[in-house]
Structures are given as C-alpha cells and as structure tokens.
Amino acid sequence: MIFYFSATGNTLWAAQRVAQVTGERLLSVAKLIKSQHAFALEKDERVGFIYPIYGWRPPVIMREFVRKLTLTTQQPSDNLSLHYCFALCTAGDDIGLSMDYLNSDLKTVGLQTNATFSLKMPNTYVGLPFMDIDSEEVIHKKREIAEVQLREYCEQIFDRIHCKNQRNHSHWPRINSNILGAFFVNKLITDKPFHVEKQRCVKCGICANVCPVDNIEGGHGLMPKWKHTNRCLTCFACYHHCPHHAIEYGRQTLHKGQYVFK
C-alpha cells in the first residue's frame, strides 16, 4: 500500500514506478483526505509514503493525512511494526529533516520507516523572487540521474532492505526544516497572491480540476476564483498546468517558467 501526493507529476512518476515494481496498491492522499483514513493491510503488505518536499518538510496535506491514518492487520497476532515501511521524497534541491518530521507523525500510527529515499527532481516552487524552474539542461540532467537512482530504490524496496538514504540532506538541515520550514508553513502557504490575468485566461477549467484541495471555484466557461479557505498548499499545480500562463502569484511569478512532468 503506497500513499502518495503529487502536484506537477514528479512524485506521481516515482510512485507509479515503485507501485509497478512492488505490485503494491497506489492511493492518492488528495483523493482520500476528506473521506477515508482507515485501511486494512494484507499479509506482508508494504506501507509506503511518497511525496514532494515543501519548505524542507512533508506537505501539510501529507502530514494531516498521516496523523489521521488508521492501519489494521488481518490477524491480531500480525504486528503492524512487522510490515515493511518506507518513504520516498522528491525535491528540487535538498530535503532537510523531512523524514524526521514524517517519522514523528508516523508514531501516532504505530509505524516508523525501515527505509528512506530521496530524489532530486526538476524544481517547481516559484513563490519567491529568487526561485524559478530549472533550465531545460538541468531538467534533463536531474531526470536522467533520478531514473538511475529510482531503479536502485525500487530494487531495495522490493527486497525490503532496511536503509537510511543520505542523499540531499543539505548542510543545514535543522535550520532549513525547523526555522525556514516554520516560516514557510506559517507565512508562505497562502492563496491570497494568486490571481488570473483575464486577457490570457480562456476559462478552460484546468486550474480548478488540478487543484488537489478543491480550493478554486471554476470550471469550463468560468473565471477561476480562489476560495481562501486556508486549504491551499501553494503547490502551484494551478500555475504550472495553465496552458496559457494566465495565473500569477502576486508579482513573484512574472516572467517565470512552468513545469509539468511529461
């Protein structure tokens, strides 16, 4: 059983590949968050969590889901901790202490990861003046390296290898995750700066359809409006998927690129 969250496709690609190799069920946290939090594990079933890094932490939606998660086993004698548990995250750069945050949340479920992995993928965060998507050359190089690493990770997950991945932790993981991460969560996760450039918008409804938390009013023939319900993740799915680059985030995204995994 693999729980995943993905906004622009990087993490979905990795999750689908792991599910294909292991034969595990693949479940979208965005689709489950409002409805289902209880699951029964089959005998010897793996439990995986695959997600992107937001502010050197797991996305708020993933942390919320994990805290509500209830897992049961087929037999009372089948200890939950005996099920192989792994986590894989994708990041434009480094991951900080993201896995520590995940394991802290997993304590409420009665789990801890037996293995953790990370992949450096094309950057998608464009919400600060100095941050943009990668160049085509960097995108190609990152995906080329990630392809090789993911094959290695899939083999280890299939074989239920216990390991702690040391890649992409950064030089200052505590500062990044604890201090900068707190600032990110408290100040930068907001939909207030999002707006539509009306002269470019064709009212296709794509932005509303791809929003993982249903935070955009809209649809075919309608001008998009953000709901301001404090559910926005600033995942920028709406921005990146817009076929006419009609969505901006204040002035932070002016003249910046878009990226969707294809």
C-alpha atoms as a PDB file:
ATOM      1  CA  MET A   1       0.000   0.000   0.000  1.00  0.00           C
ATOM      2  CA  ILE A   2       1.544   3.268  -1.150  1.00  0.00           C
ATOM      3  CA  PHE A   3       0.135   6.651  -0.173  1.00  0.00           C
ATOM      4  CA  TYR A   4       1.316   9.476  -2.415  1.00  0.00           C
ATOM      5  CA  PHE A   5       0.805  13.152  -3.095  1.00  0.00           C
ATOM      6  CA  SER A   6       1.825  14.896  -6.305  1.00  0.00           C
ATOM      7  CA  ALA A   7       1.014  18.296  -7.813  1.00  0.00           C
ATOM      8  CA  THR A   8       3.053  18.601 -11.004  1.00  0.00           C
ATOM      9  CA  GLY A   9       3.857  14.960 -11.739  1.00  0.00           C
ATOM     10  CA  ASN A  10       7.389  14.446 -10.408  1.00  0.00           C
ATOM     11  CA  THR A  11       6.225  12.428  -7.429  1.00  0.00           C
ATOM     12  CA  LEU A  12       3.463  10.637  -9.352  1.00  0.00           C
ATOM     13  CA  TRP A  13       6.087   9.312 -11.756  1.00  0.00           C
ATOM     14  CA  ALA A  14       8.151   7.927  -8.870  1.00  0.00           C
ATOM     15  CA  ALA A  15       5.108   6.492  -7.083  1.00  0.00           C
ATOM     16  CA  GLN A  16       3.823   4.743 -10.195  1.00  0.00           C
ATOM     17  CA  ARG A  17       7.240   3.225 -10.823  1.00  0.00           C
ATOM     18  CA  VAL A  18       7.529   1.890  -7.250  1.00  0.00           C
ATOM     19  CA  ALA A  19       3.981   0.518  -7.382  1.00  0.00           C
ATOM     20  CA  GLN A  20       4.702  -1.201 -10.699  1.00  0.00           C
ATOM     21  CA  VAL A  21       7.817  -2.920  -9.363  1.00  0.00           C
ATOM     22  CA  THR A  22       6.393  -3.936  -5.973  1.00  0.00           C
ATOM     23  CA  GLY A  23       2.822  -4.688  -7.011  1.00  0.00           C
ATOM     24  CA  GLU A  24       1.504  -2.550  -4.144  1.00  0.00           C
ATOM     25  CA  ARG A  25      -1.727  -0.571  -4.227  1.00  0.00           C
ATOM     26  CA  LEU A  26      -1.260   3.106  -5.124  1.00  0.00           C
ATOM     27  CA  LEU A  27      -3.528   5.542  -3.265  1.00  0.00           C
ATOM     28  CA  SER A  28      -3.800   9.309  -3.712  1.00  0.00           C
ATOM     29  CA  VAL A  29      -3.770  11.262  -0.457  1.00  0.00           C
ATOM     30  CA  ALA A  30      -5.514  14.182  -2.183  1.00  0.00           C
ATOM     31  CA  LYS A  31      -8.471  11.908  -3.007  1.00  0.00           C
ATOM     32  CA  LEU A  32      -8.559  10.236   0.415  1.00  0.00           C
ATOM     33  CA  ILE A  33      -8.017  13.189   2.755  1.00  0.00           C
ATOM     34  CA  LYS A  34     -11.703  14.106   3.072  1.00  0.00           C
ATOM     35  CA  SER A  35     -13.133  10.609   3.218  1.00  0.00           C
ATOM     36  CA  GLN A  36     -11.026   7.587   4.085  1.00  0.00           C
ATOM     37  CA  HIS A  37      -8.349   7.233   6.736  1.00  0.00           C
ATOM     38  CA  ALA A  38      -8.750   3.588   7.828  1.00  0.00           C
ATOM     39  CA  PHE A  39      -7.173   0.735   5.882  1.00  0.00           C
ATOM     40  CA  ALA A  40      -6.637  -2.989   6.395  1.00  0.00           C
ATOM     41  CA  LEU A  41      -3.218  -4.307   5.439  1.00  0.00           C
ATOM     42  CA  GLU A  42      -2.901  -7.612   3.651  1.00  0.00           C
ATOM     43  CA  LYS A  43      -0.369 -10.169   4.842  1.00  0.00           C
ATOM     44  CA  ASP A  44       3.224  -8.942   4.247  1.00  0.00           C
ATOM     45  CA  GLU A  45       1.970  -5.805   2.531  1.00  0.00           C
ATOM     46  CA  ARG A  46       4.445  -2.939   2.396  1.00  0.00           C
ATOM     47  CA  VAL A  47       3.454   0.540   3.565  1.00  0.00           C
ATOM     48  CA  GLY A  48       4.921   3.442   1.627  1.00  0.00           C
ATOM     49  CA  PHE A  49       4.696   7.234   1.681  1.00  0.00           C
ATOM     50  CA  ILE A  50       5.830   9.163  -1.398  1.00  0.00           C
ATOM     51  CA  TYR A  51       5.659  12.933  -1.511  1.00  0.00           C
ATOM     52  CA  PRO A  52       7.397  16.156  -2.622  1.00  0.00           C
ATOM     53  CA  ILE A  53       9.279  18.464  -0.261  1.00  0.00           C
ATOM     54  CA  TYR A  54       7.570  21.742   0.679  1.00  0.00           C
ATOM     55  CA  GLY A  55       9.688  24.015   2.850  1.00  0.00           C
ATOM     56  CA  TRP A  56      12.042  21.166   3.785  1.00  0.00           C
ATOM     57  CA  ARG A  57       9.098  19.252   5.267  1.00  0.00           C
ATOM     58  CA  PRO A  58       6.407  16.870   4.026  1.00  0.00           C
ATOM     59  CA  PRO A  59       3.432  18.753   2.536  1.00  0.00           C
ATOM     60  CA  VAL A  60       0.813  19.820   5.061  1.00  0.00           C
ATOM     61  CA  ILE A  61      -1.744  17.560   3.382  1.00  0.00           C
ATOM     62  CA  MET A  62       0.503  14.503   3.808  1.00  0.00           C
ATOM     63  CA  ARG A  63       1.167  15.278   7.476  1.00  0.00           C
ATOM     64  CA  GLU A  64      -2.538  15.798   8.147  1.00  0.00           C
ATOM     65  CA  PHE A  65      -3.403  12.519   6.442  1.00  0.00           C
ATOM     66  CA  VAL A  66      -0.737  10.530   8.315  1.00  0.00           C
ATOM     67  CA  ARG A  67      -1.928  11.856  11.674  1.00  0.00           C
ATOM     68  CA  LYS A  68      -5.468  10.666  10.908  1.00  0.00           C
ATOM     69  CA  LEU A  69      -4.372   7.337   9.430  1.00  0.00           C
ATOM     70  CA  THR A  70      -5.528   4.061  10.986  1.00  0.00           C
ATOM     71  CA  LEU A  71      -3.969   0.787   9.822  1.00  0.00           C
ATOM     72  CA  THR A  72      -5.116  -2.661  10.891  1.00  0.00           C
ATOM     73  CA  THR A  73      -3.758  -6.127  10.100  1.00  0.00           C
ATOM     74  CA  GLN A  74      -5.553  -9.278   9.015  1.00  0.00           C
ATOM     75  CA  GLN A  75      -4.648 -11.242  12.124  1.00  0.00           C
ATOM     76  CA  PRO A  76      -4.440  -9.861  15.669  1.00  0.00           C
ATOM     77  CA  SER A  77      -1.083 -11.626  16.002  1.00  0.00           C
ATOM     78  CA  ASP A  78       0.241  -9.797  12.907  1.00  0.00           C
ATOM     79  CA  ASN A  79       2.160  -6.906  14.450  1.00  0.00           C
ATOM     80  CA  LEU A  80       1.852  -3.681  12.481  1.00  0.00           C
ATOM     81  CA  SER A  81       5.519  -2.872  13.045  1.00  0.00           C
ATOM     82  CA  LEU A  82       6.475  -6.049  11.153  1.00  0.00           C
ATOM     83  CA  HIS A  83       5.161  -4.564   7.905  1.00  0.00           C
ATOM     84  CA  TYR A  84       7.955  -3.035   5.845  1.00  0.00           C
ATOM     85  CA  CYS A  85       7.527   0.745   5.873  1.00  0.00           C
ATOM     86  CA  PHE A  86       9.360   3.106   3.543  1.00  0.00           C
ATOM     87  CA  ALA A  87       9.279   6.740   2.444  1.00  0.00           C
ATOM     88  CA  LEU A  88      10.492   8.384  -0.728  1.00  0.00           C
ATOM     89  CA  CYS A  89      10.505  12.119  -1.318  1.00  0.00           C
ATOM     90  CA  THR A  90      11.243  14.284  -4.328  1.00  0.00           C
ATOM     91  CA  ALA A  91      12.851  17.704  -4.079  1.00  0.00           C
ATOM     92  CA  GLY A  92      14.184  20.411  -6.335  1.00  0.00           C
ATOM     93  CA  ASP A  93      17.235  20.626  -4.110  1.00  0.00           C
ATOM     94  CA  ASP A  94      17.615  19.280  -0.563  1.00  0.00           C
ATOM     95  CA  ILE A  95      15.201  17.631   1.879  1.00  0.00           C
ATOM     96  CA  GLY A  96      16.386  18.815   5.294  1.00  0.00           C
ATOM     97  CA  LEU A  97      14.853  16.808   8.148  1.00  0.00           C
ATOM     98  CA  SER A  98      11.728  15.892   6.208  1.00  0.00           C
ATOM     99  CA  MET A  99      11.997  12.205   7.100  1.00  0.00           C
ATOM    100  CA  ASP A 100      12.263  13.053  10.802  1.00  0.00           C
ATOM    101  CA  TYR A 101       9.026  15.013  10.558  1.00  0.00           C
ATOM    102  CA  LEU A 102       7.338  12.103   8.802  1.00  0.00           C
ATOM    103  CA  ASN A 103       8.517   9.599  11.409  1.00  0.00           C
ATOM    104  CA  SER A 104       7.293  11.880  14.178  1.00  0.00           C
ATOM    105  CA  ASP A 105       3.830  11.818  12.588  1.00  0.00           C
ATOM    106  CA  LEU A 106       4.027   8.060  12.000  1.00  0.00           C
ATOM    107  CA  LYS A 107       4.398   7.449  15.738  1.00  0.00           C
ATOM    108  CA  THR A 108       0.675   8.138  16.050  1.00  0.00           C
ATOM    109  CA  VAL A 109       0.039   5.266  13.631  1.00  0.00           C
ATOM    110  CA  GLY A 110       2.419   2.850  15.324  1.00  0.00           C
ATOM    111  CA  LEU A 111       4.908   2.871  12.455  1.00  0.00           C
ATOM    112  CA  GLN A 112       8.454   4.008  11.756  1.00  0.00           C
ATOM    113  CA  THR A 113      10.210   3.878   8.414  1.00  0.00           C
ATOM    114  CA  ASN A 114      12.548   0.978   7.752  1.00  0.00           C
ATOM    115  CA  ALA A 115      13.960   2.753   4.720  1.00  0.00           C
ATOM    116  CA  THR A 116      14.030   6.306   3.384  1.00  0.00           C
ATOM    117  CA  PHE A 117      14.924   7.573  -0.071  1.00  0.00           C
ATOM    118  CA  SER A 118      15.117  10.904  -1.880  1.00  0.00           C
ATOM    119  CA  LEU A 119      15.259  12.009  -5.495  1.00  0.00           C
ATOM    120  CA  LYS A 120      16.406  15.370  -6.793  1.00  0.00           C
ATOM    121  CA  MET A 121      13.853  16.344  -9.443  1.00  0.00           C
ATOM    122  CA  PRO A 122      13.131  19.483 -11.504  1.00  0.00           C
ATOM    123  CA  ASN A 123      12.234  22.439  -9.308  1.00  0.00           C
ATOM    124  CA  THR A 124       8.591  23.575  -9.270  1.00  0.00           C
ATOM    125  CA  TYR A 125       8.483  26.173  -6.481  1.00  0.00           C
ATOM    126  CA  VAL A 126       8.241  29.680  -7.940  1.00  0.00           C
ATOM    127  CA  GLY A 127       6.778  31.593  -4.996  1.00  0.00           C
ATOM    128  CA  LEU A 128       9.869  33.623  -4.098  1.00  0.00           C
ATOM    129  CA  PRO A 129      11.709  36.197  -6.236  1.00  0.00           C
ATOM    130  CA  PHE A 130      14.913  34.169  -6.494  1.00  0.00           C
ATOM    131  CA  MET A 131      13.245  30.839  -7.290  1.00  0.00           C
ATOM    132  CA  ASP A 132      12.265  29.656 -10.774  1.00  0.00           C
ATOM    133  CA  ILE A 133      12.005  26.392 -12.659  1.00  0.00           C
ATOM    134  CA  ASP A 134      15.238  24.804 -13.833  1.00  0.00           C
ATOM    135  CA  SER A 135      16.715  25.234 -17.288  1.00  0.00           C
ATOM    136  CA  GLU A 136      15.996  22.540 -19.868  1.00  0.00           C
ATOM    137  CA  GLU A 137      19.546  21.275 -19.456  1.00  0.00           C
ATOM    138  CA  VAL A 138      19.197  20.940 -15.669  1.00  0.00           C
ATOM    139  CA  ILE A 139      15.760  19.337 -16.009  1.00  0.00           C
ATOM    140  CA  HIS A 140      17.166  16.717 -18.363  1.00  0.00           C
ATOM    141  CA  LYS A 141      20.159  16.025 -16.111  1.00  0.00           C
ATOM    142  CA  LYS A 142      18.102  15.717 -12.944  1.00  0.00           C
ATOM    143  CA  ARG A 143      15.632  13.325 -14.552  1.00  0.00           C
ATOM    144  CA  GLU A 144      18.442  11.264 -16.046  1.00  0.00           C
ATOM    145  CA  ILE A 145      20.079  10.809 -12.632  1.00  0.00           C
ATOM    146  CA  ALA A 146      16.728  10.236 -10.912  1.00  0.00           C
ATOM    147  CA  GLU A 147      15.892   7.454 -13.375  1.00  0.00           C
ATOM    148  CA  VAL A 148      19.008   5.546 -12.371  1.00  0.00           C
ATOM    149  CA  GLN A 149      18.526   6.159  -8.655  1.00  0.00           C
ATOM    150  CA  LEU A 150      14.870   5.166  -8.739  1.00  0.00           C
ATOM    151  CA  ARG A 151      15.704   1.806 -10.295  1.00  0.00           C
ATOM    152  CA  GLU A 152      18.088   1.206  -7.385  1.00  0.00           C
ATOM    153  CA  TYR A 153      15.489   2.297  -4.842  1.00  0.00           C
ATOM    154  CA  CYS A 154      12.808   0.072  -6.379  1.00  0.00           C
ATOM    155  CA  GLU A 155      15.060  -2.947  -6.030  1.00  0.00           C
ATOM    156  CA  GLN A 156      15.734  -2.140  -2.385  1.00  0.00           C
ATOM    157  CA  ILE A 157      12.039  -1.612  -1.639  1.00  0.00           C
ATOM    158  CA  PHE A 158      11.133  -4.831  -3.437  1.00  0.00           C
ATOM    159  CA  ASP A 159      13.703  -6.720  -1.362  1.00  0.00           C
ATOM    160  CA  ARG A 160      12.559  -4.918   1.827  1.00  0.00           C
ATOM    161  CA  ILE A 161      16.039  -3.602   2.538  1.00  0.00           C
ATOM    162  CA  HIS A 162      16.424  -1.577   5.734  1.00  0.00           C
ATOM    163  CA  CYS A 163      18.432   1.569   4.986  1.00  0.00           C
ATOM    164  CA  LYS A 164      18.618   5.308   5.532  1.00  0.00           C
ATOM    165  CA  ASN A 165      19.257   7.289   2.420  1.00  0.00           C
ATOM    166  CA  GLN A 166      21.845  10.019   2.937  1.00  0.00           C
ATOM    167  CA  ARG A 167      21.304  11.973  -0.268  1.00  0.00           C
ATOM    168  CA  ASN A 168      20.210  15.609  -0.435  1.00  0.00           C
ATOM    169  CA  HIS A 169      20.038  16.378   3.310  1.00  0.00           C
ATOM    170  CA  SER A 170      21.658  19.846   2.931  1.00  0.00           C
ATOM    171  CA  HIS A 171      24.431  21.379   5.027  1.00  0.00           C
ATOM    172  CA  TRP A 172      21.998  22.965   7.497  1.00  0.00           C
ATOM    173  CA  PRO A 173      19.045  20.545   7.777  1.00  0.00           C
ATOM    174  CA  ARG A 174      17.894  21.804  11.205  1.00  0.00           C
ATOM    175  CA  ILE A 175      17.895  25.440  10.139  1.00  0.00           C
ATOM    176  CA  ASN A 176      16.155  24.620   6.865  1.00  0.00           C
ATOM    177  CA  SER A 177      13.405  22.373   8.276  1.00  0.00           C
ATOM    178  CA  ASN A 178      12.866  23.822  11.745  1.00  0.00           C
ATOM    179  CA  ILE A 179      13.335  27.557  11.207  1.00  0.00           C
ATOM    180  CA  LEU A 180      12.855  28.222   7.495  1.00  0.00           C
ATOM    181  CA  GLY A 181      10.281  25.443   7.308  1.00  0.00           C
ATOM    182  CA  ALA A 182       8.232  27.067  10.066  1.00  0.00           C
ATOM    183  CA  PHE A 183       8.340  30.385   8.212  1.00  0.00           C
ATOM    184  CA  PHE A 184       7.260  28.625   5.016  1.00  0.00           C
ATOM    185  CA  VAL A 185       4.287  26.929   6.701  1.00  0.00           C
ATOM    186  CA  ASN A 186       3.155  29.982   8.671  1.00  0.00           C
ATOM    187  CA  LYS A 187       3.754  32.753   6.136  1.00  0.00           C
ATOM    188  CA  LEU A 188       4.153  31.396   2.602  1.00  0.00           C
ATOM    189  CA  ILE A 189       1.358  28.821   2.394  1.00  0.00           C
ATOM    190  CA  THR A 190      -1.487  31.032   1.242  1.00  0.00           C
ATOM    191  CA  ASP A 191      -3.667  31.500  -1.823  1.00  0.00           C
ATOM    192  CA  LYS A 192      -4.051  35.258  -1.361  1.00  0.00           C
ATOM    193  CA  PRO A 193      -1.467  36.299  -4.007  1.00  0.00           C
ATOM    194  CA  PHE A 194      -2.975  34.054  -6.714  1.00  0.00           C
ATOM    195  CA  HIS A 195      -4.840  35.891  -9.446  1.00  0.00           C
ATOM    196  CA  VAL A 196      -5.803  35.465 -13.090  1.00  0.00           C
ATOM    197  CA  GLU A 197      -4.621  37.596 -15.979  1.00  0.00           C
ATOM    198  CA  LYS A 198      -8.046  37.882 -17.575  1.00  0.00           C
ATOM    199  CA  GLN A 199      -6.769  38.769 -21.029  1.00  0.00           C
ATOM    200  CA  ARG A 200      -4.929  35.422 -21.187  1.00  0.00           C
ATOM    201  CA  CYS A 201      -7.478  33.189 -19.441  1.00  0.00           C
ATOM    202  CA  VAL A 202      -9.694  31.114 -21.760  1.00  0.00           C
ATOM    203  CA  LYS A 203     -11.842  29.719 -18.915  1.00  0.00           C
ATOM    204  CA  CYS A 204     -10.835  26.137 -19.668  1.00  0.00           C
ATOM    205  CA  GLY A 205     -11.249  24.985 -16.053  1.00  0.00           C
ATOM    206  CA  ILE A 206      -7.948  23.130 -15.892  1.00  0.00           C
ATOM    207  CA  CYS A 207      -6.736  25.024 -12.816  1.00  0.00           C
ATOM    208  CA  ALA A 208      -9.843  24.109 -10.819  1.00  0.00           C
ATOM    209  CA  ASN A 209      -9.613  20.479 -11.942  1.00  0.00           C
ATOM    210  CA  VAL A 210      -5.959  20.010 -10.958  1.00  0.00           C
ATOM    211  CA  CYS A 211      -6.175  21.734  -7.557  1.00  0.00           C
ATOM    212  CA  PRO A 212      -5.591  18.859  -5.091  1.00  0.00           C
ATOM    213  CA  VAL A 213      -7.594  20.515  -2.290  1.00  0.00           C
ATOM    214  CA  ASP A 214     -10.533  21.846  -4.339  1.00  0.00           C
ATOM    215  CA  ASN A 215      -9.597  25.428  -3.485  1.00  0.00           C
ATOM    216  CA  ILE A 216     -10.527  27.038  -6.807  1.00  0.00           C
ATOM    217  CA  GLU A 217     -14.039  27.933  -7.923  1.00  0.00           C
ATOM    218  CA  GLY A 218     -14.261  27.461 -11.637  1.00  0.00           C
ATOM    219  CA  GLY A 219     -14.731  25.084 -14.495  1.00  0.00           C
ATOM    220  CA  HIS A 220     -15.269  25.227 -18.210  1.00  0.00           C
ATOM    221  CA  GLY A 221     -16.584  28.666 -19.126  1.00  0.00           C
ATOM    222  CA  LEU A 222     -15.936  30.186 -15.691  1.00  0.00           C
ATOM    223  CA  MET A 223     -13.302  32.623 -14.499  1.00  0.00           C
ATOM    224  CA  PRO A 224     -11.280  30.982 -11.695  1.00  0.00           C
ATOM    225  CA  LYS A 225     -11.529  32.311  -8.131  1.00  0.00           C
ATOM    226  CA  TRP A 226      -9.543  31.111  -5.138  1.00  0.00           C
ATOM    227  CA  LYS A 227     -11.711  30.238  -2.141  1.00  0.00           C
ATOM    228  CA  HIS A 228      -9.410  31.483   0.650  1.00  0.00           C
ATOM    229  CA  THR A 229     -10.358  28.571   2.908  1.00  0.00           C
ATOM    230  CA  ASN A 230      -6.847  28.044   4.322  1.00  0.00           C
ATOM    231  CA  ARG A 231      -6.646  24.763   2.410  1.00  0.00           C
ATOM    232  CA  CYS A 232      -4.221  25.984  -0.276  1.00  0.00           C
ATOM    233  CA  LEU A 233      -0.855  24.187  -0.268  1.00  0.00           C
ATOM    234  CA  THR A 234       0.920  26.632  -2.605  1.00  0.00           C
ATOM    235  CA  CYS A 235       1.807  23.542  -4.631  1.00  0.00           C
ATOM    236  CA  PHE A 236       1.465  25.703  -7.768  1.00  0.00           C
ATOM    237  CA  ALA A 237      -0.395  22.961  -9.648  1.00  0.00           C
ATOM    238  CA  CYS A 238      -2.797  25.599 -10.979  1.00  0.00           C
ATOM    239  CA  TYR A 239       0.048  27.832 -12.125  1.00  0.00           C
ATOM    240  CA  HIS A 240       2.071  25.109 -13.837  1.00  0.00           C
ATOM    241  CA  HIS A 241      -0.854  23.370 -15.555  1.00  0.00           C
ATOM    242  CA  CYS A 242      -2.382  26.541 -17.021  1.00  0.00           C
ATOM    243  CA  PRO A 243      -1.953  26.183 -20.811  1.00  0.00           C
ATOM    244  CA  HIS A 244      -1.896  29.966 -21.363  1.00  0.00           C
ATOM    245  CA  HIS A 245       0.241  31.057 -18.394  1.00  0.00           C
ATOM    246  CA  ALA A 246      -2.751  33.089 -17.178  1.00  0.00           C
ATOM    247  CA  ILE A 247      -2.190  32.506 -13.457  1.00  0.00           C
ATOM    248  CA  GLU A 248       0.231  34.587 -11.438  1.00  0.00           C
ATOM    249  CA  TYR A 249       1.246  34.593  -7.766  1.00  0.00           C
ATOM    250  CA  GLY A 250       1.464  38.288  -6.945  1.00  0.00           C
ATOM    251  CA  ARG A 251       4.480  39.612  -8.820  1.00  0.00           C
ATOM    252  CA  GLN A 252       6.622  36.659  -7.757  1.00  0.00           C
ATOM    253  CA  THR A 253       5.890  34.603 -10.864  1.00  0.00           C
ATOM    254  CA  LEU A 254       6.148  37.307 -13.507  1.00  0.00           C
ATOM    255  CA  HIS A 255       8.281  36.142 -16.446  1.00  0.00           C
ATOM    256  CA  LYS A 256       8.940  32.757 -14.831  1.00  0.00           C
ATOM    257  CA  GLY A 257       8.578  29.346 -16.447  1.00  0.00           C
ATOM    258  CA  GLN A 258       6.182  26.452 -15.997  1.00  0.00           C
ATOM    259  CA  TYR A 259       6.933  22.782 -15.476  1.00  0.00           C
ATOM    260  CA  VAL A 260       4.836  19.619 -15.555  1.00  0.00           C
ATOM    261  CA  PHE A 261       6.330  16.130 -15.702  1.00  0.00           C
ATOM    262  CA  LYS A 262       5.704  14.606 -19.131  1.00  0.00           C
END
